[in-house]
Structure formats: C-alpha cells, structure tokens
PDB file of N, CA and C in Angstrom:
ATOM      1  N   MET A   1     177.473 311.293  63.801  1.00  0.00           N
ATOM      2  CA  MET A   1     176.818 312.150  64.756  1.00  0.00           C
ATOM      3  C   MET A   1     177.418 313.553  63.962  1.00  0.00           C
ATOM      4  N   LYS A   2     176.652 314.628  64.305  1.00  0.00           N
ATOM      5  CA  LYS A   2     177.192 315.856  63.585  1.00  0.00           C
ATOM      6  C   LYS A   2     178.144 316.322  64.503  1.00  0.00           C
ATOM      7  N   THR A   3     178.987 317.207  63.869  1.00  0.00           N
ATOM      8  CA  THR A   3     179.861 317.941  64.792  1.00  0.00           C
ATOM      9  C   THR A   3     178.925 318.958  66.184  1.00  0.00           C
ATOM     10  N   TRP A   4     178.091 319.587  65.376  1.00  0.00           N
ATOM     11  CA  TRP A   4     177.315 320.457  66.181  1.00  0.00           C
ATOM     12  C   TRP A   4     176.606 319.880  67.294  1.00  0.00           C
ATOM     13  N   LEU A   5     175.948 318.370  67.337  1.00  0.00           N
ATOM     14  CA  LEU A   5     175.670 317.630  68.442  1.00  0.00           C
ATOM     15  C   LEU A   5     176.581 317.378  69.303  1.00  0.00           C
ATOM     16  N   LYS A   6     177.986 316.781  68.908  1.00  0.00           N
ATOM     17  CA  LYS A   6     178.966 316.338  69.551  1.00  0.00           C
ATOM     18  C   LYS A   6     179.291 317.414  70.961  1.00  0.00           C
ATOM     19  N   ILE A   7     179.287 318.643  70.267  1.00  0.00           N
ATOM     20  CA  ILE A   7     179.368 320.044  70.926  1.00  0.00           C
ATOM     21  C   ILE A   7     178.557 320.244  71.798  1.00  0.00           C
ATOM     22  N   LEU A   8     177.474 320.293  71.528  1.00  0.00           N
ATOM     23  CA  LEU A   8     176.479 320.666  72.818  1.00  0.00           C
ATOM     24  C   LEU A   8     176.167 319.350  73.837  1.00  0.00           C
ATOM     25  N   LEU A   9     176.304 318.048  72.937  1.00  0.00           N
ATOM     26  CA  LEU A   9     176.262 317.223  74.157  1.00  0.00           C
ATOM     27  C   LEU A   9     177.367 317.158  75.189  1.00  0.00           C
ATOM     28  N   LEU A  10     178.530 317.423  74.376  1.00  0.00           N
ATOM     29  CA  LEU A  10     179.744 316.935  75.271  1.00  0.00           C
ATOM     30  C   LEU A  10     180.330 317.962  76.176  1.00  0.00           C
ATOM     31  N   PHE A  11     180.004 319.283  75.629  1.00  0.00           N
ATOM     32  CA  PHE A  11     180.437 320.486  75.975  1.00  0.00           C
ATOM     33  C   PHE A  11     179.275 321.731  76.475  1.00  0.00           C
ATOM     34  N   ILE A  12     178.752 321.822  76.030  1.00  0.00           N
ATOM     35  CA  ILE A  12     177.897 323.032  76.343  1.00  0.00           C
ATOM     36  C   ILE A  12     176.716 322.874  77.313  1.00  0.00           C
ATOM     37  N   LEU A  13     176.363 321.435  77.156  1.00  0.00           N
ATOM     38  CA  LEU A  13     175.122 320.872  78.379  1.00  0.00           C
ATOM     39  C   LEU A  13     175.752 320.566  79.489  1.00  0.00           C
ATOM     40  N   PRO A  14     176.977 319.761  79.388  1.00  0.00           N
ATOM     41  CA  PRO A  14     177.405 319.355  80.567  1.00  0.00           C
ATOM     42  C   PRO A  14     178.017 320.764  81.597  1.00  0.00           C
ATOM     43  N   THR A  15     178.716 321.563  80.820  1.00  0.00           N
ATOM     44  CA  THR A  15     178.742 322.521  81.519  1.00  0.00           C
ATOM     45  C   THR A  15     177.532 323.609  82.177  1.00  0.00           C
ATOM     46  N   LEU A  16     176.685 323.883  81.323  1.00  0.00           N
ATOM     47  CA  LEU A  16     175.240 324.614  81.793  1.00  0.00           C
ATOM     48  C   LEU A  16     174.782 323.886  83.010  1.00  0.00           C
ATOM     49  N   ALA A  17     174.779 322.590  82.783  1.00  0.00           N
ATOM     50  CA  ALA A  17     174.156 321.697  83.678  1.00  0.00           C
ATOM     51  C   ALA A  17     174.747 321.507  85.070  1.00  0.00           C
ATOM     52  N   LEU A  18     176.179 321.689  85.299  1.00  0.00           N
ATOM     53  CA  LEU A  18     176.757 321.582  86.349  1.00  0.00           C
ATOM     54  C   LEU A  18     177.357 323.142  87.025  1.00  0.00           C
ATOM     55  N   ILE A  19     176.982 324.097  86.237  1.00  0.00           N
ATOM     56  CA  ILE A  19     176.928 325.638  86.941  1.00  0.00           C
ATOM     57  C   ILE A  19     175.780 326.364  86.781  1.00  0.00           C
ATOM     58  N   SER A  20     174.804 326.146  86.707  1.00  0.00           N
ATOM     59  CA  SER A  20     173.468 326.787  86.490  1.00  0.00           C
ATOM     60  C   SER A  20     172.923 326.911  88.030  1.00  0.00           C
ATOM     61  N   TYR A  21     173.621 327.954  88.599  1.00  0.00           N
ATOM     62  CA  TYR A  21     173.176 328.283  89.888  1.00  0.00           C
ATOM     63  C   TYR A  21     172.561 329.984  89.850  1.00  0.00           C
ATOM     64  N   PRO A  22     172.616 330.538  90.814  1.00  0.00           N
ATOM     65  CA  PRO A  22     172.197 331.771  91.114  1.00  0.00           C
ATOM     66  C   PRO A  22     173.278 332.627  90.738  1.00  0.00           C
ATOM     67  N   PRO A  23     172.872 333.566  90.294  1.00  0.00           N
ATOM     68  CA  PRO A  23     174.137 334.390  89.740  1.00  0.00           C
ATOM     69  C   PRO A  23     175.162 335.195  91.029  1.00  0.00           C
ATOM     70  N   ALA A  24     174.550 335.036  92.056  1.00  0.00           N
ATOM     71  CA  ALA A  24     175.121 335.377  93.596  1.00  0.00           C
ATOM     72  C   ALA A  24     176.209 334.155  93.838  1.00  0.00           C
ATOM     73  N   THR A  25     175.796 333.186  93.451  1.00  0.00           N
ATOM     74  CA  THR A  25     176.894 331.710  94.021  1.00  0.00           C
ATOM     75  C   THR A  25     177.942 331.928  93.205  1.00  0.00           C
ATOM     76  N   ILE A  26     177.480 332.065  91.365  1.00  0.00           N
ATOM     77  CA  ILE A  26     178.166 331.974  90.379  1.00  0.00           C
ATOM     78  C   ILE A  26     179.550 333.277  90.827  1.00  0.00           C
ATOM     79  N   VAL A  27     179.125 334.053  91.201  1.00  0.00           N
ATOM     80  CA  VAL A  27     179.738 335.462  91.404  1.00  0.00           C
ATOM     81  C   VAL A  27     180.884 334.805  92.800  1.00  0.00           C
ATOM     82  N   SER A  28     180.406 334.626  93.591  1.00  0.00           N
ATOM     83  CA  SER A  28     180.888 334.288  95.057  1.00  0.00           C
ATOM     84  C   SER A  28     181.919 332.715  94.659  1.00  0.00           C
ATOM     85  N   GLY A  29     181.644 331.949  94.206  1.00  0.00           N
ATOM     86  CA  GLY A  29     182.592 330.812  93.579  1.00  0.00           C
ATOM     87  C   GLY A  29     183.180 330.788  92.226  1.00  0.00           C
ATOM     88  N   TRP A  30     183.289 331.640  91.757  1.00  0.00           N
ATOM     89  CA  TRP A  30     183.950 331.771  90.104  1.00  0.00           C
ATOM     90  C   TRP A  30     184.963 331.141  90.121  1.00  0.00           C
ATOM     91  N   VAL A  31     185.987 331.006  91.160  1.00  0.00           N
ATOM     92  CA  VAL A  31     187.263 329.726  90.991  1.00  0.00           C
ATOM     93  C   VAL A  31     186.205 328.397  90.777  1.00  0.00           C
ATOM     94  N   ALA A  32     185.780 328.359  91.548  1.00  0.00           N
ATOM     95  CA  ALA A  32     184.993 326.455  91.530  1.00  0.00           C
ATOM     96  C   ALA A  32     184.612 326.486  89.967  1.00  0.00           C
ATOM     97  N   MET A  33     183.781 327.560  89.648  1.00  0.00           N
ATOM     98  CA  MET A  33     182.838 327.128  88.011  1.00  0.00           C
ATOM     99  C   MET A  33     183.892 327.340  86.911  1.00  0.00           C
ATOM    100  N   LEU A  34     184.997 327.841  87.396  1.00  0.00           N
ATOM    101  CA  LEU A  34     186.171 328.140  86.343  1.00  0.00           C
ATOM    102  C   LEU A  34     186.925 326.517  86.454  1.00  0.00           C
ATOM    103  N   LEU A  35     187.039 325.779  87.437  1.00  0.00           N
ATOM    104  CA  LEU A  35     187.468 324.436  87.537  1.00  0.00           C
ATOM    105  C   LEU A  35     186.655 323.256  87.059  1.00  0.00           C
ATOM    106  N   VAL A  36     185.340 323.814  86.844  1.00  0.00           N
ATOM    107  CA  VAL A  36     183.971 322.433  86.434  1.00  0.00           C
ATOM    108  C   VAL A  36     184.188 322.891  84.909  1.00  0.00           C
ATOM    109  N   LEU A  37     184.673 324.390  84.700  1.00  0.00           N
ATOM    110  CA  LEU A  37     184.943 324.466  82.845  1.00  0.00           C
ATOM    111  C   LEU A  37     185.456 323.836  82.474  1.00  0.00           C
ATOM    112  N   VAL A  38     186.667 323.370  83.132  1.00  0.00           N
ATOM    113  CA  VAL A  38     188.130 323.030  82.304  1.00  0.00           C
ATOM    114  C   VAL A  38     187.682 321.595  82.659  1.00  0.00           C
ATOM    115  N   MET A  39     187.535 321.108  83.786  1.00  0.00           N
ATOM    116  CA  MET A  39     187.335 319.917  83.783  1.00  0.00           C
ATOM    117  C   MET A  39     186.312 319.239  82.524  1.00  0.00           C
ATOM    118  N   VAL A  40     185.306 319.897  82.395  1.00  0.00           N
ATOM    119  CA  VAL A  40     183.913 319.071  81.422  1.00  0.00           C
ATOM    120  C   VAL A  40     184.683 319.581  80.225  1.00  0.00           C
ATOM    121  N   VAL A  41     185.539 320.346  79.714  1.00  0.00           N
ATOM    122  CA  VAL A  41     186.248 320.295  78.300  1.00  0.00           C
ATOM    123  C   VAL A  41     187.225 319.473  78.432  1.00  0.00           C
ATOM    124  N   LEU A  42     188.130 319.057  79.187  1.00  0.00           N
ATOM    125  CA  LEU A  42     188.892 317.930  79.014  1.00  0.00           C
ATOM    126  C   LEU A  42     188.297 316.354  78.820  1.00  0.00           C
ATOM    127  N   LEU A  43     187.096 316.461  79.841  1.00  0.00           N
ATOM    128  CA  LEU A  43     186.470 315.285  79.854  1.00  0.00           C
ATOM    129  C   LEU A  43     185.819 314.646  78.048  1.00  0.00           C
ATOM    130  N   GLY A  44     185.256 316.194  77.996  1.00  0.00           N
ATOM    131  CA  GLY A  44     184.739 316.195  76.344  1.00  0.00           C
ATOM    132  C   GLY A  44     185.692 315.470  75.639  1.00  0.00           C
ATOM    133  N   MET A  45     186.695 316.480  75.237  1.00  0.00           N
ATOM    134  CA  MET A  45     188.024 315.930  74.450  1.00  0.00           C
ATOM    135  C   MET A  45     188.498 314.431  74.638  1.00  0.00           C
ATOM    136  N   ARG A  46     188.330 314.251  76.026  1.00  0.00           N
ATOM    137  CA  ARG A  46     188.952 312.376  76.135  1.00  0.00           C
ATOM    138  C   ARG A  46     187.833 311.765  75.670  1.00  0.00           C
ATOM    139  N   ILE A  47     186.786 312.245  75.846  1.00  0.00           N
ATOM    140  CA  ILE A  47     185.558 311.167  75.104  1.00  0.00           C
ATOM    141  C   ILE A  47     185.522 311.033  73.524  1.00  0.00           C
ATOM    142  N   LEU A  48     185.687 312.239  72.932  1.00  0.00           N
ATOM    143  CA  LEU A  48     185.927 312.734  71.542  1.00  0.00           C
ATOM    144  C   LEU A  48     187.047 311.986  70.973  1.00  0.00           C
ATOM    145  N   ARG A  49     188.074 311.521  71.623  1.00  0.00           N
ATOM    146  CA  ARG A  49     189.309 310.505  71.339  1.00  0.00           C
ATOM    147  C   ARG A  49     188.987 308.961  71.601  1.00  0.00           C
ATOM    148  N   GLY A  50     187.981 309.025  72.031  1.00  0.00           N
ATOM    149  CA  GLY A  50     187.419 307.557  72.281  1.00  0.00           C
ATOM    150  C   GLY A  50     187.700 307.043  73.659  1.00  0.00           C
ATOM    151  N   GLY A  51     187.809 307.672  74.609  1.00  0.00           N
ATOM    152  CA  GLY A  51     187.589 307.158  75.972  1.00  0.00           C
ATOM    153  C   GLY A  51     186.474 306.961  77.156  1.00  0.00           C
ATOM    154  N   SER A  52     186.397 305.380  76.794  1.00  0.00           N
ATOM    155  CA  SER A  52     185.014 305.301  77.690  1.00  0.00           C
ATOM    156  C   SER A  52     185.053 305.627  79.045  1.00  0.00           C
ATOM    157  N   LEU A  53     186.037 305.458  79.535  1.00  0.00           N
ATOM    158  CA  LEU A  53     186.094 305.792  80.886  1.00  0.00           C
ATOM    159  C   LEU A  53     185.655 307.476  81.148  1.00  0.00           C
ATOM    160  N   ALA A  54     185.649 308.116  80.311  1.00  0.00           N
ATOM    161  CA  ALA A  54     185.761 309.405  80.392  1.00  0.00           C
ATOM    162  C   ALA A  54     184.170 309.670  80.454  1.00  0.00           C
ATOM    163  N   LEU A  55     183.741 308.612  79.704  1.00  0.00           N
ATOM    164  CA  LEU A  55     182.026 308.621  79.705  1.00  0.00           C
ATOM    165  C   LEU A  55     181.277 308.578  80.320  1.00  0.00           C
ATOM    166  N   THR A  56     181.777 307.345  80.907  1.00  0.00           N
ATOM    167  CA  THR A  56     181.113 306.919  81.820  1.00  0.00           C
ATOM    168  C   THR A  56     181.749 308.017  83.337  1.00  0.00           C
ATOM    169  N   PHE A  57     182.899 308.477  83.545  1.00  0.00           N
ATOM    170  CA  PHE A  57     182.923 309.618  84.427  1.00  0.00           C
ATOM    171  C   PHE A  57     181.626 310.742  84.338  1.00  0.00           C
ATOM    172  N   THR A  58     181.778 311.116  82.776  1.00  0.00           N
ATOM    173  CA  THR A  58     180.681 312.097  82.694  1.00  0.00           C
ATOM    174  C   THR A  58     179.078 311.717  83.129  1.00  0.00           C
ATOM    175  N   ILE A  59     178.812 310.485  83.115  1.00  0.00           N
ATOM    176  CA  ILE A  59     177.459 310.048  83.228  1.00  0.00           C
ATOM    177  C   ILE A  59     177.322 309.629  84.703  1.00  0.00           C
ATOM    178  N   LEU A  60     178.307 309.546  85.553  1.00  0.00           N
ATOM    179  CA  LEU A  60     178.604 309.779  86.726  1.00  0.00           C
ATOM    180  C   LEU A  60     178.252 311.040  87.320  1.00  0.00           C
ATOM    181  N   LEU A  61     179.291 312.006  87.031  1.00  0.00           N
ATOM    182  CA  LEU A  61     178.798 313.650  87.533  1.00  0.00           C
ATOM    183  C   LEU A  61     177.370 314.106  87.305  1.00  0.00           C
ATOM    184  N   GLN A  62     177.037 313.599  86.070  1.00  0.00           N
ATOM    185  CA  GLN A  62     175.654 313.999  85.918  1.00  0.00           C
ATOM    186  C   GLN A  62     174.768 313.836  86.619  1.00  0.00           C
ATOM    187  N   GLY A  63     175.029 312.440  86.935  1.00  0.00           N
ATOM    188  CA  GLY A  63     173.776 311.769  87.958  1.00  0.00           C
ATOM    189  C   GLY A  63     173.898 312.029  89.504  1.00  0.00           C
ATOM    190  N   MET A  64     175.187 312.085  89.587  1.00  0.00           N
ATOM    191  CA  MET A  64     175.185 313.027  91.186  1.00  0.00           C
ATOM    192  C   MET A  64     174.727 314.413  91.363  1.00  0.00           C
ATOM    193  N   ASN A  65     174.914 315.152  90.312  1.00  0.00           N
ATOM    194  CA  ASN A  65     174.522 316.478  90.091  1.00  0.00           C
ATOM    195  C   ASN A  65     172.965 316.474  90.558  1.00  0.00           C
ATOM    196  N   VAL A  66     172.486 315.464  89.755  1.00  0.00           N
ATOM    197  CA  VAL A  66     170.962 315.372  89.744  1.00  0.00           C
ATOM    198  C   VAL A  66     170.281 314.675  91.808  1.00  0.00           C
ATOM    199  N   ILE A  67     170.974 313.943  92.013  1.00  0.00           N
ATOM    200  CA  ILE A  67     171.101 313.902  93.467  1.00  0.00           C
ATOM    201  C   ILE A  67     170.992 314.958  94.199  1.00  0.00           C
ATOM    202  N   VAL A  68     172.328 315.715  94.195  1.00  0.00           N
ATOM    203  CA  VAL A  68     172.928 316.798  94.985  1.00  0.00           C
ATOM    204  C   VAL A  68     171.860 317.670  95.128  1.00  0.00           C
ATOM    205  N   ARG A  69     171.348 318.223  93.851  1.00  0.00           N
ATOM    206  CA  ARG A  69     170.372 319.358  93.573  1.00  0.00           C
ATOM    207  C   ARG A  69     168.935 318.755  94.318  1.00  0.00           C
ATOM    208  N   MET A  70     168.535 317.685  94.023  1.00  0.00           N
ATOM    209  CA  MET A  70     167.256 317.079  95.075  1.00  0.00           C
ATOM    210  C   MET A  70     167.489 317.434  95.925  1.00  0.00           C
ATOM    211  N   MET A  71     168.559 316.805  96.823  1.00  0.00           N
ATOM    212  CA  MET A  71     168.679 317.010  98.531  1.00  0.00           C
ATOM    213  C   MET A  71     168.652 318.446  98.796  1.00  0.00           C
ATOM    214  N   MET A  72     169.290 319.049  98.072  1.00  0.00           N
ATOM    215  CA  MET A  72     169.185 320.955  98.444  1.00  0.00           C
ATOM    216  C   MET A  72     168.386 321.445  98.100  1.00  0.00           C
ATOM    217  N   PHE A  73     167.445 320.403  97.435  1.00  0.00           N
ATOM    218  CA  PHE A  73     166.169 321.483  96.795  1.00  0.00           C
ATOM    219  C   PHE A  73     165.301 322.263  97.535  1.00  0.00           C
ATOM    220  N   PHE A  74     164.483 321.665  98.669  1.00  0.00           N
ATOM    221  CA  PHE A  74     163.768 322.417  99.636  1.00  0.00           C
ATOM    222  C   PHE A  74     164.146 323.177 100.847  1.00  0.00           C
ATOM    223  N   ASN A  75     165.602 322.579 100.992  1.00  0.00           N
ATOM    224  CA  ASN A  75     166.366 323.425 102.006  1.00  0.00           C
ATOM    225  C   ASN A  75     166.768 324.528 101.673  1.00  0.00           C
ATOM    226  N   ASN A  76     167.004 324.843 100.143  1.00  0.00           N
ATOM    227  CA  ASN A  76     167.378 326.198  99.484  1.00  0.00           C
ATOM    228  C   ASN A  76     166.455 326.784  99.248  1.00  0.00           C
ATOM    229  N   THR A  77     165.273 326.114  98.333  1.00  0.00           N
ATOM    230  CA  THR A  77     164.339 327.121  97.771  1.00  0.00           C
ATOM    231  C   THR A  77     163.144 327.719  98.711  1.00  0.00           C
ATOM    232  N   LEU A  78     162.878 327.157  99.797  1.00  0.00           N
ATOM    233  CA  LEU A  78     162.267 326.905 101.148  1.00  0.00           C
ATOM    234  C   LEU A  78     162.937 327.651 102.353  1.00  0.00           C
ATOM    235  N   PRO A  79     163.451 328.725 102.544  1.00  0.00           N
ATOM    236  CA  PRO A  79     164.394 328.959 103.573  1.00  0.00           C
ATOM    237  C   PRO A  79     163.333 329.107 105.015  1.00  0.00           C
ATOM    238  N   LYS A  80     164.064 329.049 106.108  1.00  0.00           N
ATOM    239  CA  LYS A  80     163.283 329.034 107.197  1.00  0.00           C
ATOM    240  C   LYS A  80     162.375 330.537 107.693  1.00  0.00           C
ATOM    241  N   ASN A  81     162.690 331.437 106.686  1.00  0.00           N
ATOM    242  CA  ASN A  81     162.031 332.834 106.759  1.00  0.00           C
ATOM    243  C   ASN A  81     160.434 332.402 105.830  1.00  0.00           C
ATOM    244  N   GLY A  82     160.560 331.440 105.185  1.00  0.00           N
ATOM    245  CA  GLY A  82     159.048 331.108 104.482  1.00  0.00           C
ATOM    246  C   GLY A  82     158.932 331.775 103.047  1.00  0.00           C
ATOM    247  N   THR A  83     159.920 332.609 102.784  1.00  0.00           N
ATOM    248  CA  THR A  83     159.825 333.420 101.308  1.00  0.00           C
ATOM    249  C   THR A  83     160.407 332.484 100.538  1.00  0.00           C
ATOM    250  N   VAL A  84     159.715 331.961  99.107  1.00  0.00           N
ATOM    251  CA  VAL A  84     160.485 331.728  98.017  1.00  0.00           C
ATOM    252  C   VAL A  84     161.697 332.104  97.441  1.00  0.00           C
ATOM    253  N   ASP A  85     162.644 331.314  96.927  1.00  0.00           N
ATOM    254  CA  ASP A  85     163.431 331.953  96.250  1.00  0.00           C
ATOM    255  C   ASP A  85     163.543 331.046  95.056  1.00  0.00           C
ATOM    256  N   TYR A  86     162.826 332.250  94.170  1.00  0.00           N
ATOM    257  CA  TYR A  86     162.426 331.783  92.870  1.00  0.00           C
ATOM    258  C   TYR A  86     163.748 331.465  91.627  1.00  0.00           C
ATOM    259  N   VAL A  87     164.734 332.721  91.908  1.00  0.00           N
ATOM    260  CA  VAL A  87     165.895 332.338  91.132  1.00  0.00           C
ATOM    261  C   VAL A  87     166.203 331.205  91.168  1.00  0.00           C
ATOM    262  N   TYR A  88     166.806 330.608  92.785  1.00  0.00           N
ATOM    263  CA  TYR A  88     167.285 329.354  93.085  1.00  0.00           C
ATOM    264  C   TYR A  88     166.525 328.340  92.371  1.00  0.00           C
ATOM    265  N   LEU A  89     165.217 328.354  92.454  1.00  0.00           N
ATOM    266  CA  LEU A  89     164.249 327.350  92.128  1.00  0.00           C
ATOM    267  C   LEU A  89     164.500 327.104  90.784  1.00  0.00           C
ATOM    268  N   ILE A  90     164.219 328.341  90.157  1.00  0.00           N
ATOM    269  CA  ILE A  90     164.825 328.106  88.638  1.00  0.00           C
ATOM    270  C   ILE A  90     166.056 327.327  88.289  1.00  0.00           C
ATOM    271  N   THR A  91     166.924 328.075  88.468  1.00  0.00           N
ATOM    272  CA  THR A  91     168.291 327.456  88.279  1.00  0.00           C
ATOM    273  C   THR A  91     168.419 325.961  88.683  1.00  0.00           C
ATOM    274  N   ASN A  92     168.004 325.745  89.842  1.00  0.00           N
ATOM    275  CA  ASN A  92     167.993 324.409  90.155  1.00  0.00           C
ATOM    276  C   ASN A  92     167.146 323.455  89.460  1.00  0.00           C
ATOM    277  N   LEU A  93     166.288 323.638  88.921  1.00  0.00           N
ATOM    278  CA  LEU A  93     165.482 322.705  88.399  1.00  0.00           C
ATOM    279  C   LEU A  93     166.077 322.887  86.788  1.00  0.00           C
ATOM    280  N   LEU A  94     166.484 323.645  86.292  1.00  0.00           N
ATOM    281  CA  LEU A  94     167.289 323.590  84.741  1.00  0.00           C
ATOM    282  C   LEU A  94     168.549 322.630  85.057  1.00  0.00           C
ATOM    283  N   GLY A  95     169.089 322.817  86.179  1.00  0.00           N
ATOM    284  CA  GLY A  95     170.336 322.146  86.319  1.00  0.00           C
ATOM    285  C   GLY A  95     169.929 320.668  86.385  1.00  0.00           C
ATOM    286  N   MET A  96     169.251 320.384  86.800  1.00  0.00           N
ATOM    287  CA  MET A  96     168.506 318.959  87.527  1.00  0.00           C
ATOM    288  C   MET A  96     167.966 318.524  85.914  1.00  0.00           C
ATOM    289  N   VAL A  97     166.902 319.117  85.077  1.00  0.00           N
ATOM    290  CA  VAL A  97     166.530 318.571  83.940  1.00  0.00           C
ATOM    291  C   VAL A  97     167.583 318.458  82.994  1.00  0.00           C
ATOM    292  N   VAL A  98     168.632 319.309  82.642  1.00  0.00           N
ATOM    293  CA  VAL A  98     169.602 319.092  81.890  1.00  0.00           C
ATOM    294  C   VAL A  98     170.434 318.030  82.173  1.00  0.00           C
ATOM    295  N   SER A  99     170.784 317.839  83.433  1.00  0.00           N
ATOM    296  CA  SER A  99     171.642 316.962  83.893  1.00  0.00           C
ATOM    297  C   SER A  99     170.673 315.114  84.026  1.00  0.00           C
ATOM    298  N   PHE A 100     169.637 315.377  84.154  1.00  0.00           N
ATOM    299  CA  PHE A 100     169.070 314.208  83.979  1.00  0.00           C
ATOM    300  C   PHE A 100     168.503 313.657  82.300  1.00  0.00           C
ATOM    301  N   TYR A 101     168.860 314.690  81.820  1.00  0.00           N
ATOM    302  CA  TYR A 101     168.668 314.801  79.807  1.00  0.00           C
ATOM    303  C   TYR A 101     169.939 314.001  80.113  1.00  0.00           C
ATOM    304  N   LEU A 102     171.439 314.676  80.188  1.00  0.00           N
ATOM    305  CA  LEU A 102     172.350 314.218  79.573  1.00  0.00           C
ATOM    306  C   LEU A 102     172.856 312.632  79.891  1.00  0.00           C
ATOM    307  N   VAL A 103     172.483 312.294  81.503  1.00  0.00           N
ATOM    308  CA  VAL A 103     172.492 310.874  81.837  1.00  0.00           C
ATOM    309  C   VAL A 103     171.926 310.183  81.016  1.00  0.00           C
ATOM    310  N   MET A 104     170.462 310.319  80.103  1.00  0.00           N
ATOM    311  CA  MET A 104     169.716 309.402  79.489  1.00  0.00           C
ATOM    312  C   MET A 104     170.374 309.348  78.110  1.00  0.00           C
ATOM    313  N   ARG A 105     170.805 310.529  77.719  1.00  0.00           N
ATOM    314  CA  ARG A 105     171.155 310.716  76.392  1.00  0.00           C
ATOM    315  C   ARG A 105     172.495 310.209  76.145  1.00  0.00           C
ATOM    316  N   LEU A 106     173.747 310.164  77.319  1.00  0.00           N
ATOM    317  CA  LEU A 106     174.989 309.775  76.777  1.00  0.00           C
ATOM    318  C   LEU A 106     175.257 308.419  77.029  1.00  0.00           C
ATOM    319  N   ASP A 107     173.940 307.667  77.290  1.00  0.00           N
ATOM    320  CA  ASP A 107     174.546 306.335  77.592  1.00  0.00           C
ATOM    321  C   ASP A 107     173.721 305.534  76.360  1.00  0.00           C
ATOM    322  N   ARG A 108     173.175 306.329  75.426  1.00  0.00           N
ATOM    323  CA  ARG A 108     172.661 305.761  74.306  1.00  0.00           C
ATOM    324  C   ARG A 108     173.621 304.965  73.057  1.00  0.00           C
ATOM    325  N   VAL A 109     173.358 304.071  72.509  1.00  0.00           N
ATOM    326  CA  VAL A 109     174.057 303.472  71.196  1.00  0.00           C
ATOM    327  C   VAL A 109     174.884 304.210  70.497  1.00  0.00           C
ATOM    328  N   ASP A 110     174.215 305.535  70.018  1.00  0.00           N
ATOM    329  CA  ASP A 110     175.117 306.310  68.866  1.00  0.00           C
ATOM    330  C   ASP A 110     176.196 307.345  69.826  1.00  0.00           C
ATOM    331  N   ILE A 111     176.179 307.510  70.830  1.00  0.00           N
ATOM    332  CA  ILE A 111     177.351 307.927  71.993  1.00  0.00           C
ATOM    333  C   ILE A 111     178.666 306.753  72.206  1.00  0.00           C
ATOM    334  N   ARG A 112     178.239 305.535  72.362  1.00  0.00           N
ATOM    335  CA  ARG A 112     178.788 304.544  72.567  1.00  0.00           C
ATOM    336  C   ARG A 112     179.626 304.131  71.245  1.00  0.00           C
ATOM    337  N   SER A 113     178.981 304.446  70.543  1.00  0.00           N
ATOM    338  CA  SER A 113     179.325 303.829  68.958  1.00  0.00           C
ATOM    339  C   SER A 113     180.447 305.054  68.390  1.00  0.00           C
ATOM    340  N   MET A 114     180.369 306.154  69.065  1.00  0.00           N
ATOM    341  CA  MET A 114     181.349 307.134  68.488  1.00  0.00           C
ATOM    342  C   MET A 114     182.452 307.010  69.275  1.00  0.00           C
ATOM    343  N   LEU A 115     182.565 306.179  70.108  1.00  0.00           N
ATOM    344  CA  LEU A 115     183.993 305.792  71.038  1.00  0.00           C
ATOM    345  C   LEU A 115     184.537 304.843  70.150  1.00  0.00           C
ATOM    346  N   ARG A 116     183.947 304.079  69.576  1.00  0.00           N
ATOM    347  CA  ARG A 116     184.620 303.185  68.288  1.00  0.00           C
ATOM    348  C   ARG A 116     185.297 303.261  67.409  1.00  0.00           C
ATOM    349  N   SER A 117     185.051 304.593  66.730  1.00  0.00           N
ATOM    350  CA  SER A 117     185.366 305.252  65.651  1.00  0.00           C
ATOM    351  C   SER A 117     186.733 306.205  66.049  1.00  0.00           C
TER     352      SER A 117
END
C-alpha cells in the first residue's frame, strides 16, 4: 500500500469524519476537537506499527460516529422553529459518509495484511 494512501486512510479521513461539525460547534468545543485529533494520530501510529486492536477500535469508533450522527440528524437539522440548518445538514452528512466509507474500507484484506508486515 502506498504511503499517501496510508496517511489518508489512517490520519486525514478519520479526523475529518470525527470533527466535521459546523464552525460554531468547532470553535466552542476546540479542546474536544484537539483531543480527537490526538487520539486519531495515536491510533493511526499504532495501526502502522501493527496494532490490530487499534484498527478494531478505529472501526468501532467510526461505526459509532455513524450511529450517533443518524440519531442526531433530524433533531438538529430541523429544530422546533421549523427552519432547516443547512450547515449542520451538510457537515453531518459529510461526517456520516466518510465514517461509513472508513468502516467498510478499513475492514478489507489489504489493511489487515498491512498489520502483519
């Protein structure tokens, strides 16, 4: 597997999937976003060193992200005042799609074979 693909699958996309929220949420929760970034980097480094448990935890984390975003989707996209929050809708869908892609992609043979080498 090429180096740029490893960086994309283990560091960039998981970070994007977990912190893709509206800018107001990111600004107000910058400490949590920073902790997520550190966690993703540590998990990615552990996966590169052959940690199968870190890969399993990453897949679980991305799957939970999809589930939590689905549960939050309608309540936060269509608040009680009746207007549609388009920024939340787009960022939430982006996070769900990227997380779902990672759940499917990280459980393939080429990623698992990378752990053995």
